[in-house]
Amino acid sequence: MEEIIRQNSNVIIENRKRLNITGVKECVSFDDETVILDTVLGTLTLKGEKLHIINFDTKTGDFSLEGKLFALAYTQNQSGSSFFGRLFK
């Protein structure tokens, strides 16, 4: 079966206790305080307390999490944008 991950991403937070995200390609790492996701919009880092992954459908890119959320931060994928990355291109 082929993947049908959307090319857009939606983030829905319900009362800082439940999070639903679409467009997730991969869960890079997770523990009860930090979850790092690779999404179609870049890397998303979630910070919180007692975080638990409820669902992750790798075919559709739908992801659900519960716990107390403190922060969400996107970072750009910057391959080759550093000085040495440009120098050794």
C-alpha atoms as a PDB file:
ATOM      1  CA  MET A   1       0.000   0.000   0.000  1.00  0.00           C
ATOM      2  CA  GLU A   2       1.176   3.486  -0.726  1.00  0.00           C
ATOM      3  CA  GLU A   3       1.338   6.275   1.814  1.00  0.00           C
ATOM      4  CA  ILE A   4      -1.285   9.001   1.636  1.00  0.00           C
ATOM      5  CA  ILE A   5       0.294  11.576   3.972  1.00  0.00           C
ATOM      6  CA  ARG A   6      -1.201  15.006   3.351  1.00  0.00           C
ATOM      7  CA  GLN A   7       1.051  17.785   2.096  1.00  0.00           C
ATOM      8  CA  ASN A   8      -0.451  20.190   4.635  1.00  0.00           C
ATOM      9  CA  SER A   9      -0.493  19.959   8.384  1.00  0.00           C
ATOM     10  CA  ASN A  10      -3.089  20.866  10.991  1.00  0.00           C
ATOM     11  CA  VAL A  11      -2.476  21.131  14.727  1.00  0.00           C
ATOM     12  CA  ILE A  12      -5.433  20.964  17.105  1.00  0.00           C
ATOM     13  CA  ILE A  13      -4.882  21.414  20.845  1.00  0.00           C
ATOM     14  CA  GLU A  14      -7.759  20.662  23.202  1.00  0.00           C
ATOM     15  CA  ASN A  15      -7.429  22.278  26.661  1.00  0.00           C
ATOM     16  CA  ARG A  16      -3.627  21.804  26.627  1.00  0.00           C
ATOM     17  CA  LYS A  17      -4.312  18.116  27.353  1.00  0.00           C
ATOM     18  CA  ARG A  18      -4.849  16.514  23.941  1.00  0.00           C
ATOM     19  CA  LEU A  19      -3.079  17.192  20.649  1.00  0.00           C
ATOM     20  CA  ASN A  20      -4.031  16.027  17.140  1.00  0.00           C
ATOM     21  CA  ILE A  21      -1.684  16.636  14.204  1.00  0.00           C
ATOM     22  CA  THR A  22      -1.960  15.745  10.527  1.00  0.00           C
ATOM     23  CA  GLY A  23       0.953  15.576   8.091  1.00  0.00           C
ATOM     24  CA  VAL A  24       3.367  13.692  10.373  1.00  0.00           C
ATOM     25  CA  LYS A  25       5.983  11.686   8.476  1.00  0.00           C
ATOM     26  CA  GLU A  26       7.901  10.178  11.386  1.00  0.00           C
ATOM     27  CA  CYS A  27       8.191  10.210  15.170  1.00  0.00           C
ATOM     28  CA  VAL A  28      11.911  10.884  15.626  1.00  0.00           C
ATOM     29  CA  SER A  29      12.012  10.486  19.410  1.00  0.00           C
ATOM     30  CA  PHE A  30       9.731  10.559  22.413  1.00  0.00           C
ATOM     31  CA  ASP A  31       9.627  10.289  26.175  1.00  0.00           C
ATOM     32  CA  ASP A  32       7.196  11.592  28.809  1.00  0.00           C
ATOM     33  CA  GLU A  33       8.523  15.194  28.523  1.00  0.00           C
ATOM     34  CA  THR A  34       9.592  15.652  24.878  1.00  0.00           C
ATOM     35  CA  VAL A  35       8.280  14.410  21.533  1.00  0.00           C
ATOM     36  CA  ILE A  36      10.064  15.212  18.264  1.00  0.00           C
ATOM     37  CA  LEU A  37       8.138  14.751  15.022  1.00  0.00           C
ATOM     38  CA  ASP A  38       9.166  15.076  11.383  1.00  0.00           C
ATOM     39  CA  THR A  39       6.221  16.745   9.625  1.00  0.00           C
ATOM     40  CA  VAL A  40       5.588  18.018   6.119  1.00  0.00           C
ATOM     41  CA  LEU A  41       6.284  21.542   7.467  1.00  0.00           C
ATOM     42  CA  GLY A  42       9.551  20.699   9.239  1.00  0.00           C
ATOM     43  CA  THR A  43      10.591  19.287  12.589  1.00  0.00           C
ATOM     44  CA  LEU A  44       8.097  19.845  15.402  1.00  0.00           C
ATOM     45  CA  THR A  45       9.216  19.612  19.036  1.00  0.00           C
ATOM     46  CA  LEU A  46       6.578  19.182  21.733  1.00  0.00           C
ATOM     47  CA  LYS A  47       7.389  19.840  25.396  1.00  0.00           C
ATOM     48  CA  GLY A  48       5.210  18.849  28.292  1.00  0.00           C
ATOM     49  CA  GLU A  49       4.597  16.536  31.193  1.00  0.00           C
ATOM     50  CA  LYS A  50       3.284  12.956  31.216  1.00  0.00           C
ATOM     51  CA  LEU A  51       3.075  12.882  27.413  1.00  0.00           C
ATOM     52  CA  HIS A  52       1.638   9.697  25.923  1.00  0.00           C
ATOM     53  CA  ILE A  53       1.222   8.887  22.238  1.00  0.00           C
ATOM     54  CA  ILE A  54      -2.350   7.719  21.713  1.00  0.00           C
ATOM     55  CA  ASN A  55      -2.247   7.046  17.981  1.00  0.00           C
ATOM     56  CA  PHE A  56       0.165   7.388  15.054  1.00  0.00           C
ATOM     57  CA  ASP A  57      -1.018   6.217  11.640  1.00  0.00           C
ATOM     58  CA  THR A  58       2.087   6.132   9.439  1.00  0.00           C
ATOM     59  CA  LYS A  59       0.018   5.725   6.281  1.00  0.00           C
ATOM     60  CA  THR A  60      -2.104   8.864   6.717  1.00  0.00           C
ATOM     61  CA  GLY A  61       0.228  10.906   8.953  1.00  0.00           C
ATOM     62  CA  ASP A  62      -2.391  11.348  11.687  1.00  0.00           C
ATOM     63  CA  PHE A  63      -0.907  11.662  15.185  1.00  0.00           C
ATOM     64  CA  SER A  64      -2.581  11.990  18.610  1.00  0.00           C
ATOM     65  CA  LEU A  65      -1.019  12.674  21.981  1.00  0.00           C
ATOM     66  CA  GLU A  66      -2.236  13.224  25.553  1.00  0.00           C
ATOM     67  CA  GLY A  67      -0.575  14.904  28.509  1.00  0.00           C
ATOM     68  CA  LYS A  68       0.042  18.435  29.764  1.00  0.00           C
ATOM     69  CA  LEU A  69       1.465  20.560  26.933  1.00  0.00           C
ATOM     70  CA  PHE A  70       3.874  23.401  27.675  1.00  0.00           C
ATOM     71  CA  ALA A  71       5.341  24.329  24.278  1.00  0.00           C
ATOM     72  CA  LEU A  72       5.386  23.515  20.559  1.00  0.00           C
ATOM     73  CA  ALA A  73       8.174  24.694  18.262  1.00  0.00           C
ATOM     74  CA  TYR A  74       8.816  24.184  14.555  1.00  0.00           C
ATOM     75  CA  THR A  75      12.342  24.227  13.178  1.00  0.00           C
ATOM     76  CA  GLN A  76      13.279  24.349   9.514  1.00  0.00           C
ATOM     77  CA  ASN A  77      15.178  21.533   7.884  1.00  0.00           C
ATOM     78  CA  GLN A  78      18.378  23.403   7.027  1.00  0.00           C
ATOM     79  CA  SER A  79      20.555  20.900   5.218  1.00  0.00           C
ATOM     80  CA  GLY A  80      23.623  22.526   3.736  1.00  0.00           C
ATOM     81  CA  SER A  81      22.809  26.025   4.975  1.00  0.00           C
ATOM     82  CA  SER A  82      25.709  26.246   7.422  1.00  0.00           C
ATOM     83  CA  PHE A  83      29.050  27.714   6.423  1.00  0.00           C
ATOM     84  CA  PHE A  84      30.705  24.297   6.181  1.00  0.00           C
ATOM     85  CA  GLY A  85      27.678  22.876   4.372  1.00  0.00           C
ATOM     86  CA  ARG A  86      28.047  25.540   1.660  1.00  0.00           C
ATOM     87  CA  LEU A  87      31.840  25.229   1.622  1.00  0.00           C
ATOM     88  CA  PHE A  88      31.856  21.471   0.985  1.00  0.00           C
ATOM     89  CA  LYS A  89      28.951  21.445  -1.443  1.00  0.00           C
END
